[in-house]
Amino acid sequence: MKTIYTKLLTGPQPAVFDLLPLITEYLRCLRQLCLEAVKPQFERLVLCAHYFNVVTATLQIPAGAIPVIFVGESVAVGVPPSRFEVIPMEQFKYILLKLNLIREASETSQI
């Protein structure tokens, strides 16, 4: 499949040309690159989202509190993981929102 960029490189070059098609294609490529970069972490994101849903459904989170998601592997039950990540839930919701917007824009080919 030839892209607009490839056509510009291989064809005769006009003195003036429209950049909008190139920008549109460039943004589409960036969205696709972002989605491809997230794919290896998708399973972990799904687990974090499930954890987030269970925590918010189970606990009454006090006003002003900042709930977090702990991500890590424990060597035994009841032993905290030696290495872990802490993700504030508000930050996690923001990341999911942005990824969904990128995914939707990629599916509809909108900028």
PDB file of N, CA and C in Angstrom:
ATOM      1  N   MET A   1       0.850  -1.177   0.000  1.00  0.00           N
ATOM      2  CA  MET A   1       0.000   0.000   0.000  1.00  0.00           C
ATOM      3  C   MET A   1       0.893   1.237   0.000  1.00  0.00           C
ATOM      4  N   LYS A   2       0.709   2.068  -0.967  1.00  0.00           N
ATOM      5  CA  LYS A   2       1.494   3.299  -1.030  1.00  0.00           C
ATOM      6  C   LYS A   2       0.818   4.371  -0.190  1.00  0.00           C
ATOM      7  N   THR A   3       1.647   5.060   0.562  1.00  0.00           N
ATOM      8  CA  THR A   3       1.137   6.163   1.367  1.00  0.00           C
ATOM      9  C   THR A   3       1.373   7.465   0.618  1.00  0.00           C
ATOM     10  N   ILE A   4       0.771   8.505   1.132  1.00  0.00           N
ATOM     11  CA  ILE A   4       0.956   9.827   0.521  1.00  0.00           C
ATOM     12  C   ILE A   4       2.427  10.212   0.589  1.00  0.00           C
ATOM     13  N   TYR A   5       3.059   9.919   1.719  1.00  0.00           N
ATOM     14  CA  TYR A   5       4.472  10.257   1.908  1.00  0.00           C
ATOM     15  C   TYR A   5       5.335   9.551   0.869  1.00  0.00           C
ATOM     16  N   THR A   6       5.094   8.263   0.648  1.00  0.00           N
ATOM     17  CA  THR A   6       5.856   7.495  -0.336  1.00  0.00           C
ATOM     18  C   THR A   6       5.656   8.090  -1.727  1.00  0.00           C
ATOM     19  N   LYS A   7       4.428   8.448  -2.038  1.00  0.00           N
ATOM     20  CA  LYS A   7       4.142   9.037  -3.350  1.00  0.00           C
ATOM     21  C   LYS A   7       4.899  10.350  -3.532  1.00  0.00           C
ATOM     22  N   LEU A   8       4.985  11.140  -2.457  1.00  0.00           N
ATOM     23  CA  LEU A   8       5.718  12.403  -2.548  1.00  0.00           C
ATOM     24  C   LEU A   8       7.208  12.167  -2.757  1.00  0.00           C
ATOM     25  N   LEU A   9       7.740  11.125  -2.122  1.00  0.00           N
ATOM     26  CA  LEU A   9       9.166  10.848  -2.262  1.00  0.00           C
ATOM     27  C   LEU A   9       9.525  10.278  -3.625  1.00  0.00           C
ATOM     28  N   THR A  10       8.636   9.478  -4.202  1.00  0.00           N
ATOM     29  CA  THR A  10       8.958   8.791  -5.456  1.00  0.00           C
ATOM     30  C   THR A  10       8.503   9.550  -6.687  1.00  0.00           C
ATOM     31  N   GLY A  11       7.561  10.438  -6.532  1.00  0.00           N
ATOM     32  CA  GLY A  11       7.041  11.160  -7.691  1.00  0.00           C
ATOM     33  C   GLY A  11       7.733  12.494  -7.874  1.00  0.00           C
ATOM     34  N   PRO A  12       7.371  13.185  -8.938  1.00  0.00           N
ATOM     35  CA  PRO A  12       7.940  14.528  -9.158  1.00  0.00           C
ATOM     36  C   PRO A  12       7.474  15.462  -8.036  1.00  0.00           C
ATOM     37  N   GLN A  13       8.364  16.317  -7.603  1.00  0.00           N
ATOM     38  CA  GLN A  13       8.081  17.195  -6.461  1.00  0.00           C
ATOM     39  C   GLN A  13       7.589  18.558  -6.937  1.00  0.00           C
ATOM     40  N   PRO A  14       6.368  18.932  -6.586  1.00  0.00           N
ATOM     41  CA  PRO A  14       5.901  20.277  -6.919  1.00  0.00           C
ATOM     42  C   PRO A  14       6.575  21.299  -6.005  1.00  0.00           C
ATOM     43  N   ALA A  15       6.621  22.521  -6.445  1.00  0.00           N
ATOM     44  CA  ALA A  15       7.240  23.586  -5.645  1.00  0.00           C
ATOM     45  C   ALA A  15       6.426  23.848  -4.386  1.00  0.00           C
ATOM     46  N   VAL A  16       5.117  23.710  -4.467  1.00  0.00           N
ATOM     47  CA  VAL A  16       4.227  23.915  -3.331  1.00  0.00           C
ATOM     48  C   VAL A  16       3.276  22.729  -3.269  1.00  0.00           C
ATOM     49  N   PHE A  17       3.099  22.175  -2.072  1.00  0.00           N
ATOM     50  CA  PHE A  17       2.144  21.074  -1.924  1.00  0.00           C
ATOM     51  C   PHE A  17       1.450  21.188  -0.573  1.00  0.00           C
ATOM     52  N   ASP A  18       0.323  20.531  -0.458  1.00  0.00           N
ATOM     53  CA  ASP A  18      -0.522  20.585   0.728  1.00  0.00           C
ATOM     54  C   ASP A  18       0.054  19.669   1.812  1.00  0.00           C
ATOM     55  N   LEU A  19       0.319  20.216   2.986  1.00  0.00           N
ATOM     56  CA  LEU A  19       0.854  19.432   4.101  1.00  0.00           C
ATOM     57  C   LEU A  19      -0.219  18.684   4.876  1.00  0.00           C
ATOM     58  N   LEU A  20      -1.476  19.098   4.767  1.00  0.00           N
ATOM     59  CA  LEU A  20      -2.531  18.484   5.567  1.00  0.00           C
ATOM     60  C   LEU A  20      -2.623  16.970   5.371  1.00  0.00           C
ATOM     61  N   PRO A  21      -2.562  16.440   4.139  1.00  0.00           N
ATOM     62  CA  PRO A  21      -2.598  14.975   4.009  1.00  0.00           C
ATOM     63  C   PRO A  21      -1.425  14.297   4.712  1.00  0.00           C
ATOM     64  N   LEU A  22      -0.254  14.924   4.684  1.00  0.00           N
ATOM     65  CA  LEU A  22       0.908  14.350   5.378  1.00  0.00           C
ATOM     66  C   LEU A  22       0.718  14.381   6.893  1.00  0.00           C
ATOM     67  N   ILE A  23       0.184  15.471   7.395  1.00  0.00           N
ATOM     68  CA  ILE A  23      -0.051  15.593   8.830  1.00  0.00           C
ATOM     69  C   ILE A  23      -1.083  14.573   9.279  1.00  0.00           C
ATOM     70  N   THR A  24      -2.143  14.421   8.508  1.00  0.00           N
ATOM     71  CA  THR A  24      -3.176  13.447   8.825  1.00  0.00           C
ATOM     72  C   THR A  24      -2.588  12.041   8.882  1.00  0.00           C
ATOM     73  N   GLU A  25      -1.793  11.685   7.904  1.00  0.00           N
ATOM     74  CA  GLU A  25      -1.168  10.364   7.885  1.00  0.00           C
ATOM     75  C   GLU A  25      -0.181  10.209   9.032  1.00  0.00           C
ATOM     76  N   TYR A  26       0.578  11.245   9.335  1.00  0.00           N
ATOM     77  CA  TYR A  26       1.547  11.214  10.422  1.00  0.00           C
ATOM     78  C   TYR A  26       0.849  10.965  11.760  1.00  0.00           C
ATOM     79  N   LEU A  27      -0.250  11.662  12.020  1.00  0.00           N
ATOM     80  CA  LEU A  27      -0.995  11.466  13.261  1.00  0.00           C
ATOM     81  C   LEU A  27      -1.601  10.066  13.332  1.00  0.00           C
ATOM     82  N   ARG A  28      -2.067   9.553  12.204  1.00  0.00           N
ATOM     83  CA  ARG A  28      -2.593   8.188  12.178  1.00  0.00           C
ATOM     84  C   ARG A  28      -1.494   7.202  12.549  1.00  0.00           C
ATOM     85  N   CYS A  29      -0.301   7.417  12.026  1.00  0.00           N
ATOM     86  CA  CYS A  29       0.830   6.539  12.347  1.00  0.00           C
ATOM     87  C   CYS A  29       1.208   6.644  13.826  1.00  0.00           C
ATOM     88  N   LEU A  30       1.171   7.844  14.390  1.00  0.00           N
ATOM     89  CA  LEU A  30       1.482   8.013  15.806  1.00  0.00           C
ATOM     90  C   LEU A  30       0.459   7.305  16.695  1.00  0.00           C
ATOM     91  N   ARG A  31      -0.822   7.401  16.325  1.00  0.00           N
ATOM     92  CA  ARG A  31      -1.851   6.696  17.100  1.00  0.00           C
ATOM     93  C   ARG A  31      -1.619   5.194  17.054  1.00  0.00           C
ATOM     94  N   GLN A  32      -1.327   4.677  15.863  1.00  0.00           N
ATOM     95  CA  GLN A  32      -1.086   3.247  15.711  1.00  0.00           C
ATOM     96  C   GLN A  32       0.150   2.815  16.497  1.00  0.00           C
ATOM     97  N   LEU A  33       1.186   3.635  16.471  1.00  0.00           N
ATOM     98  CA  LEU A  33       2.410   3.341  17.226  1.00  0.00           C
ATOM     99  C   LEU A  33       2.119   3.293  18.726  1.00  0.00           C
ATOM    100  N   CYS A  34       1.337   4.228  19.208  1.00  0.00           N
ATOM    101  CA  CYS A  34       0.959   4.251  20.620  1.00  0.00           C
ATOM    102  C   CYS A  34       0.208   2.978  20.999  1.00  0.00           C
ATOM    103  N   LEU A  35      -0.755   2.584  20.178  1.00  0.00           N
ATOM    104  CA  LEU A  35      -1.525   1.378  20.470  1.00  0.00           C
ATOM    105  C   LEU A  35      -0.643   0.135  20.436  1.00  0.00           C
ATOM    106  N   GLU A  36       0.283   0.067  19.492  1.00  0.00           N
ATOM    107  CA  GLU A  36       1.199  -1.074  19.419  1.00  0.00           C
ATOM    108  C   GLU A  36       2.119  -1.118  20.636  1.00  0.00           C
ATOM    109  N   ALA A  37       2.528   0.046  21.129  1.00  0.00           N
ATOM    110  CA  ALA A  37       3.403   0.097  22.300  1.00  0.00           C
ATOM    111  C   ALA A  37       2.676  -0.375  23.562  1.00  0.00           C
ATOM    112  N   VAL A  38       1.368  -0.170  23.626  1.00  0.00           N
ATOM    113  CA  VAL A  38       0.586  -0.539  24.804  1.00  0.00           C
ATOM    114  C   VAL A  38       0.181  -2.022  24.768  1.00  0.00           C
ATOM    115  N   LYS A  39       0.122  -2.630  23.599  1.00  0.00           N
ATOM    116  CA  LYS A  39      -0.340  -4.012  23.481  1.00  0.00           C
ATOM    117  C   LYS A  39       0.318  -4.984  24.453  1.00  0.00           C
ATOM    118  N   PRO A  40       1.660  -4.954  24.633  1.00  0.00           N
ATOM    119  CA  PRO A  40       2.268  -5.909  25.571  1.00  0.00           C
ATOM    120  C   PRO A  40       1.793  -5.726  27.020  1.00  0.00           C
ATOM    121  N   GLN A  41       1.320  -4.538  27.365  1.00  0.00           N
ATOM    122  CA  GLN A  41       0.856  -4.270  28.729  1.00  0.00           C
ATOM    123  C   GLN A  41      -0.662  -4.376  28.868  1.00  0.00           C
ATOM    124  N   PHE A  42      -1.338  -4.762  27.793  1.00  0.00           N
ATOM    125  CA  PHE A  42      -2.799  -4.751  27.801  1.00  0.00           C
ATOM    126  C   PHE A  42      -3.370  -5.662  28.886  1.00  0.00           C
ATOM    127  N   GLU A  43      -2.809  -6.861  29.041  1.00  0.00           N
ATOM    128  CA  GLU A  43      -3.318  -7.792  30.052  1.00  0.00           C
ATOM    129  C   GLU A  43      -3.184  -7.202  31.454  1.00  0.00           C
ATOM    130  N   ARG A  44      -2.053  -6.550  31.703  1.00  0.00           N
ATOM    131  CA  ARG A  44      -1.846  -5.913  33.012  1.00  0.00           C
ATOM    132  C   ARG A  44      -2.831  -4.768  33.218  1.00  0.00           C
ATOM    133  N   LEU A  45      -3.116  -4.001  32.164  1.00  0.00           N
ATOM    134  CA  LEU A  45      -4.091  -2.914  32.279  1.00  0.00           C
ATOM    135  C   LEU A  45      -5.482  -3.451  32.596  1.00  0.00           C
ATOM    136  N   VAL A  46      -5.840  -4.577  31.984  1.00  0.00           N
ATOM    137  CA  VAL A  46      -7.145  -5.195  32.254  1.00  0.00           C
ATOM    138  C   VAL A  46      -7.217  -5.644  33.712  1.00  0.00           C
ATOM    139  N   LEU A  47      -6.145  -6.262  34.225  1.00  0.00           N
ATOM    140  CA  LEU A  47      -6.121  -6.690  35.628  1.00  0.00           C
ATOM    141  C   LEU A  47      -6.213  -5.486  36.572  1.00  0.00           C
ATOM    142  N   CYS A  48      -5.510  -4.425  36.243  1.00  0.00           N
ATOM    143  CA  CYS A  48      -5.578  -3.212  37.062  1.00  0.00           C
ATOM    144  C   CYS A  48      -6.980  -2.612  37.044  1.00  0.00           C
ATOM    145  N   ALA A  49      -7.611  -2.615  35.892  1.00  0.00           N
ATOM    146  CA  ALA A  49      -8.976  -2.084  35.781  1.00  0.00           C
ATOM    147  C   ALA A  49      -9.940  -2.924  36.616  1.00  0.00           C
ATOM    148  N   HIS A  50      -9.766  -4.257  36.585  1.00  0.00           N
ATOM    149  CA  HIS A  50     -10.613  -5.142  37.400  1.00  0.00           C
ATOM    150  C   HIS A  50     -10.390  -4.842  38.886  1.00  0.00           C
ATOM    151  N   TYR A  51      -9.138  -4.735  39.286  1.00  0.00           N
ATOM    152  CA  TYR A  51      -8.797  -4.411  40.675  1.00  0.00           C
ATOM    153  C   TYR A  51      -9.429  -3.081  41.077  1.00  0.00           C
ATOM    154  N   PHE A  52      -9.311  -2.102  40.213  1.00  0.00           N
ATOM    155  CA  PHE A  52      -9.884  -0.781  40.463  1.00  0.00           C
ATOM    156  C   PHE A  52     -11.395  -0.882  40.668  1.00  0.00           C
ATOM    157  N   ASN A  53     -12.073  -1.631  39.801  1.00  0.00           N
ATOM    158  CA  ASN A  53     -13.531  -1.777  39.909  1.00  0.00           C
ATOM    159  C   ASN A  53     -13.931  -2.478  41.199  1.00  0.00           C
ATOM    160  N   VAL A  54     -13.198  -3.525  41.591  1.00  0.00           N
ATOM    161  CA  VAL A  54     -13.505  -4.257  42.824  1.00  0.00           C
ATOM    162  C   VAL A  54     -13.293  -3.357  44.039  1.00  0.00           C
ATOM    163  N   VAL A  55     -12.183  -2.631  44.050  1.00  0.00           N
ATOM    164  CA  VAL A  55     -11.886  -1.753  45.192  1.00  0.00           C
ATOM    165  C   VAL A  55     -12.948  -0.679  45.337  1.00  0.00           C
ATOM    166  N   THR A  56     -13.313  -0.036  44.242  1.00  0.00           N
ATOM    167  CA  THR A  56     -14.305   1.044  44.339  1.00  0.00           C
ATOM    168  C   THR A  56     -15.700   0.519  44.663  1.00  0.00           C
ATOM    169  N   ALA A  57     -16.009  -0.719  44.236  1.00  0.00           N
ATOM    170  CA  ALA A  57     -17.313  -1.298  44.550  1.00  0.00           C
ATOM    171  C   ALA A  57     -17.361  -1.808  45.993  1.00  0.00           C
ATOM    172  N   THR A  58     -16.236  -2.243  46.519  1.00  0.00           N
ATOM    173  CA  THR A  58     -16.186  -2.853  47.849  1.00  0.00           C
ATOM    174  C   THR A  58     -16.013  -1.817  48.960  1.00  0.00           C
ATOM    175  N   LEU A  59     -15.142  -0.855  48.739  1.00  0.00           N
ATOM    176  CA  LEU A  59     -14.811   0.113  49.780  1.00  0.00           C
ATOM    177  C   LEU A  59     -15.540   1.427  49.572  1.00  0.00           C
ATOM    178  N   GLN A  60     -15.811   2.072  50.675  1.00  0.00           N
ATOM    179  CA  GLN A  60     -16.318   3.437  50.615  1.00  0.00           C
ATOM    180  C   GLN A  60     -15.105   4.338  50.776  1.00  0.00           C
ATOM    181  N   ILE A  61     -14.633   4.868  49.688  1.00  0.00           N
ATOM    182  CA  ILE A  61     -13.415   5.666  49.712  1.00  0.00           C
ATOM    183  C   ILE A  61     -13.757   7.052  50.247  1.00  0.00           C
ATOM    184  N   PRO A  62     -13.087   7.453  51.325  1.00  0.00           N
ATOM    185  CA  PRO A  62     -13.392   8.766  51.920  1.00  0.00           C
ATOM    186  C   PRO A  62     -13.059   9.917  50.978  1.00  0.00           C
ATOM    187  N   ALA A  63     -13.793  10.994  51.141  1.00  0.00           N
ATOM    188  CA  ALA A  63     -13.526  12.190  50.337  1.00  0.00           C
ATOM    189  C   ALA A  63     -12.117  12.681  50.635  1.00  0.00           C
ATOM    190  N   GLY A  64     -11.411  13.060  49.587  1.00  0.00           N
ATOM    191  CA  GLY A  64     -10.057  13.560  49.737  1.00  0.00           C
ATOM    192  C   GLY A  64      -8.995  12.462  49.737  1.00  0.00           C
ATOM    193  N   ALA A  65      -9.405  11.206  49.824  1.00  0.00           N
ATOM    194  CA  ALA A  65      -8.442  10.101  49.805  1.00  0.00           C
ATOM    195  C   ALA A  65      -7.954   9.873  48.380  1.00  0.00           C
ATOM    196  N   ILE A  66      -6.744   9.374  48.251  1.00  0.00           N
ATOM    197  CA  ILE A  66      -6.179   9.067  46.947  1.00  0.00           C
ATOM    198  C   ILE A  66      -5.897   7.570  46.893  1.00  0.00           C
ATOM    199  N   PRO A  67      -6.887   6.781  46.435  1.00  0.00           N
ATOM    200  CA  PRO A  67      -6.649   5.335  46.347  1.00  0.00           C
ATOM    201  C   PRO A  67      -5.605   5.036  45.269  1.00  0.00           C
ATOM    202  N   VAL A  68      -4.847   3.964  45.490  1.00  0.00           N
ATOM    203  CA  VAL A  68      -3.801   3.585  44.552  1.00  0.00           C
ATOM    204  C   VAL A  68      -3.917   2.109  44.207  1.00  0.00           C
ATOM    205  N   ILE A  69      -3.345   1.760  43.071  1.00  0.00           N
ATOM    206  CA  ILE A  69      -3.242   0.364  42.642  1.00  0.00           C
ATOM    207  C   ILE A  69      -1.794  -0.055  42.874  1.00  0.00           C
ATOM    208  N   PHE A  70      -1.607  -1.156  43.598  1.00  0.00           N
ATOM    209  CA  PHE A  70      -0.275  -1.722  43.782  1.00  0.00           C
ATOM    210  C   PHE A  70      -0.106  -2.844  42.770  1.00  0.00           C
ATOM    211  N   VAL A  71       0.942  -2.792  41.983  1.00  0.00           N
ATOM    212  CA  VAL A  71       1.219  -3.823  40.982  1.00  0.00           C
ATOM    213  C   VAL A  71       2.559  -4.445  41.337  1.00  0.00           C
ATOM    214  N   GLY A  72       2.552  -5.759  41.581  1.00  0.00           N
ATOM    215  CA  GLY A  72       3.796  -6.447  41.908  1.00  0.00           C
ATOM    216  C   GLY A  72       3.553  -7.927  42.115  1.00  0.00           C
ATOM    217  N   GLU A  73       4.613  -8.702  42.054  1.00  0.00           N
ATOM    218  CA  GLU A  73       4.539 -10.149  42.245  1.00  0.00           C
ATOM    219  C   GLU A  73       5.069 -10.504  43.624  1.00  0.00           C
ATOM    220  N   SER A  74       4.271 -11.224  44.394  1.00  0.00           N
ATOM    221  CA  SER A  74       4.685 -11.658  45.718  1.00  0.00           C
ATOM    222  C   SER A  74       5.270 -13.062  45.628  1.00  0.00           C
ATOM    223  N   VAL A  75       6.286 -13.340  46.467  1.00  0.00           N
ATOM    224  CA  VAL A  75       6.905 -14.675  46.460  1.00  0.00           C
ATOM    225  C   VAL A  75       6.067 -15.680  47.235  1.00  0.00           C
ATOM    226  N   ALA A  76       5.213 -15.201  48.144  1.00  0.00           N
ATOM    227  CA  ALA A  76       4.347 -16.091  48.925  1.00  0.00           C
ATOM    228  C   ALA A  76       3.118 -15.314  49.377  1.00  0.00           C
ATOM    229  N   VAL A  77       2.071 -16.053  49.725  1.00  0.00           N
ATOM    230  CA  VAL A  77       0.841 -15.424  50.196  1.00  0.00           C
ATOM    231  C   VAL A  77       1.135 -14.686  51.495  1.00  0.00           C
ATOM    232  N   GLY A  78       0.677 -13.476  51.587  1.00  0.00           N
ATOM    233  CA  GLY A  78       0.867 -12.684  52.788  1.00  0.00           C
ATOM    234  C   GLY A  78       2.193 -11.944  52.853  1.00  0.00           C
ATOM    235  N   VAL A  79       3.062 -12.163  51.884  1.00  0.00           N
ATOM    236  CA  VAL A  79       4.352 -11.479  51.844  1.00  0.00           C
ATOM    237  C   VAL A  79       4.270 -10.382  50.791  1.00  0.00           C
ATOM    238  N   PRO A  80       4.489  -9.142  51.204  1.00  0.00           N
ATOM    239  CA  PRO A  80       4.423  -8.061  50.211  1.00  0.00           C
ATOM    240  C   PRO A  80       5.508  -8.227  49.147  1.00  0.00           C
ATOM    241  N   PRO A  81       5.212  -7.821  47.936  1.00  0.00           N
ATOM    242  CA  PRO A  81       6.237  -7.926  46.883  1.00  0.00           C
ATOM    243  C   PRO A  81       7.426  -7.018  47.182  1.00  0.00           C
ATOM    244  N   SER A  82       8.620  -7.482  46.820  1.00  0.00           N
ATOM    245  CA  SER A  82       9.810  -6.669  47.064  1.00  0.00           C
ATOM    246  C   SER A  82       9.924  -5.537  46.042  1.00  0.00           C
ATOM    247  N   ARG A  83       9.380  -5.762  44.843  1.00  0.00           N
ATOM    248  CA  ARG A  83       9.361  -4.727  43.811  1.00  0.00           C
ATOM    249  C   ARG A  83       7.908  -4.509  43.393  1.00  0.00           C
ATOM    250  N   PHE A  84       7.493  -3.264  43.370  1.00  0.00           N
ATOM    251  CA  PHE A  84       6.115  -2.981  42.994  1.00  0.00           C
ATOM    252  C   PHE A  84       6.005  -1.578  42.412  1.00  0.00           C
ATOM    253  N   GLU A  85       4.882  -1.344  41.772  1.00  0.00           N
ATOM    254  CA  GLU A  85       4.553  -0.029  41.241  1.00  0.00           C
ATOM    255  C   GLU A  85       3.316   0.469  41.968  1.00  0.00           C
ATOM    256  N   VAL A  86       3.240   1.740  42.180  1.00  0.00           N
ATOM    257  CA  VAL A  86       2.066   2.353  42.793  1.00  0.00           C
ATOM    258  C   VAL A  86       1.460   3.285  41.755  1.00  0.00           C
ATOM    259  N   ILE A  87       0.203   3.026  41.397  1.00  0.00           N
ATOM    260  CA  ILE A  87      -0.481   3.841  40.398  1.00  0.00           C
ATOM    261  C   ILE A  87      -1.697   4.486  41.062  1.00  0.00           C
ATOM    262  N   PRO A  88      -1.698   5.802  41.241  1.00  0.00           N
ATOM    263  CA  PRO A  88      -2.901   6.461  41.769  1.00  0.00           C
ATOM    264  C   PRO A  88      -4.082   6.198  40.826  1.00  0.00           C
ATOM    265  N   MET A  89      -5.231   5.889  41.407  1.00  0.00           N
ATOM    266  CA  MET A  89      -6.393   5.523  40.589  1.00  0.00           C
ATOM    267  C   MET A  89      -6.836   6.633  39.657  1.00  0.00           C
ATOM    268  N   GLU A  90      -6.695   7.883  40.080  1.00  0.00           N
ATOM    269  CA  GLU A  90      -7.065   8.990  39.199  1.00  0.00           C
ATOM    270  C   GLU A  90      -6.150   9.021  37.975  1.00  0.00           C
ATOM    271  N   GLN A  91      -4.881   8.752  38.176  1.00  0.00           N
ATOM    272  CA  GLN A  91      -3.943   8.692  37.053  1.00  0.00           C
ATOM    273  C   GLN A  91      -4.279   7.520  36.141  1.00  0.00           C
ATOM    274  N   PHE A  92      -4.644   6.380  36.734  1.00  0.00           N
ATOM    275  CA  PHE A  92      -5.010   5.206  35.942  1.00  0.00           C
ATOM    276  C   PHE A  92      -6.247   5.483  35.095  1.00  0.00           C
ATOM    277  N   LYS A  93      -7.252   6.130  35.692  1.00  0.00           N
ATOM    278  CA  LYS A  93      -8.462   6.475  34.930  1.00  0.00           C
ATOM    279  C   LYS A  93      -8.122   7.403  33.771  1.00  0.00           C
ATOM    280  N   TYR A  94      -7.223   8.350  34.013  1.00  0.00           N
ATOM    281  CA  TYR A  94      -6.802   9.282  32.967  1.00  0.00           C
ATOM    282  C   TYR A  94      -6.112   8.528  31.822  1.00  0.00           C
ATOM    283  N   ILE A  95      -5.236   7.596  32.168  1.00  0.00           N
ATOM    284  CA  ILE A  95      -4.532   6.808  31.150  1.00  0.00           C
ATOM    285  C   ILE A  95      -5.531   6.000  30.323  1.00  0.00           C
ATOM    286  N   LEU A  96      -6.484   5.351  30.991  1.00  0.00           N
ATOM    287  CA  LEU A  96      -7.496   4.576  30.260  1.00  0.00           C
ATOM    288  C   LEU A  96      -8.327   5.460  29.349  1.00  0.00           C
ATOM    289  N   LEU A  97      -8.693   6.636  29.837  1.00  0.00           N
ATOM    290  CA  LEU A  97      -9.471   7.576  29.026  1.00  0.00           C
ATOM    291  C   LEU A  97      -8.703   7.963  27.765  1.00  0.00           C
ATOM    292  N   LYS A  98      -7.427   8.329  27.921  1.00  0.00           N
ATOM    293  CA  LYS A  98      -6.616   8.738  26.771  1.00  0.00           C
ATOM    294  C   LYS A  98      -6.403   7.577  25.802  1.00  0.00           C
ATOM    295  N   LEU A  99      -6.155   6.370  26.323  1.00  0.00           N
ATOM    296  CA  LEU A  99      -5.986   5.215  25.437  1.00  0.00           C
ATOM    297  C   LEU A  99      -7.269   4.908  24.661  1.00  0.00           C
ATOM    298  N   ASN A 100      -8.410   5.043  25.319  1.00  0.00           N
ATOM    299  CA  ASN A 100      -9.681   4.829  24.625  1.00  0.00           C
ATOM    300  C   ASN A 100      -9.910   5.877  23.547  1.00  0.00           C
ATOM    301  N   LEU A 101      -9.546   7.128  23.828  1.00  0.00           N
ATOM    302  CA  LEU A 101      -9.687   8.179  22.813  1.00  0.00           C
ATOM    303  C   LEU A 101      -8.788   7.902  21.614  1.00  0.00           C
ATOM    304  N   ILE A 102      -7.560   7.460  21.867  1.00  0.00           N
ATOM    305  CA  ILE A 102      -6.627   7.131  20.776  1.00  0.00           C
ATOM    306  C   ILE A 102      -7.164   5.953  19.977  1.00  0.00           C
ATOM    307  N   ARG A 103      -7.656   4.925  20.690  1.00  0.00           N
ATOM    308  CA  ARG A 103      -8.192   3.738  20.011  1.00  0.00           C
ATOM    309  C   ARG A 103      -9.392   4.112  19.142  1.00  0.00           C
ATOM    310  N   GLU A 104     -10.312   4.893  19.694  1.00  0.00           N
ATOM    311  CA  GLU A 104     -11.505   5.307  18.937  1.00  0.00           C
ATOM    312  C   GLU A 104     -11.126   6.143  17.728  1.00  0.00           C
ATOM    313  N   ALA A 105     -10.179   7.076  17.912  1.00  0.00           N
ATOM    314  CA  ALA A 105      -9.739   7.908  16.790  1.00  0.00           C
ATOM    315  C   ALA A 105      -9.063   7.052  15.721  1.00  0.00           C
ATOM    316  N   SER A 106      -8.332   6.048  16.154  1.00  0.00           N
ATOM    317  CA  SER A 106      -7.657   5.160  15.209  1.00  0.00           C
ATOM    318  C   SER A 106      -8.676   4.345  14.414  1.00  0.00           C
ATOM    319  N   GLU A 107      -9.719   3.906  15.089  1.00  0.00           N
ATOM    320  CA  GLU A 107     -10.753   3.100  14.423  1.00  0.00           C
ATOM    321  C   GLU A 107     -11.571   3.924  13.423  1.00  0.00           C
ATOM    322  N   THR A 108     -11.789   5.193  13.754  1.00  0.00           N
ATOM    323  CA  THR A 108     -12.604   6.034  12.870  1.00  0.00           C
ATOM    324  C   THR A 108     -11.755   6.882  11.940  1.00  0.00           C
ATOM    325  N   SER A 109     -10.410   6.770  12.078  1.00  0.00           N
ATOM    326  CA  SER A 109      -9.465   7.537  11.258  1.00  0.00           C
ATOM    327  C   SER A 109      -9.687   9.034  11.362  1.00  0.00           C
ATOM    328  N   GLN A 110      -9.990   9.474  12.578  1.00  0.00           N
ATOM    329  CA  GLN A 110     -10.140  10.913  12.819  1.00  0.00           C
ATOM    330  C   GLN A 110      -8.889  11.420  13.510  1.00  0.00           C
ATOM    331  N   ILE A 111      -8.606  12.683  13.371  1.00  0.00           N
ATOM    332  CA  ILE A 111      -7.467  13.300  14.047  1.00  0.00           C
ATOM    333  C   ILE A 111      -7.879  13.643  15.454  1.00  0.00           C
TER     334      ILE A 111
END
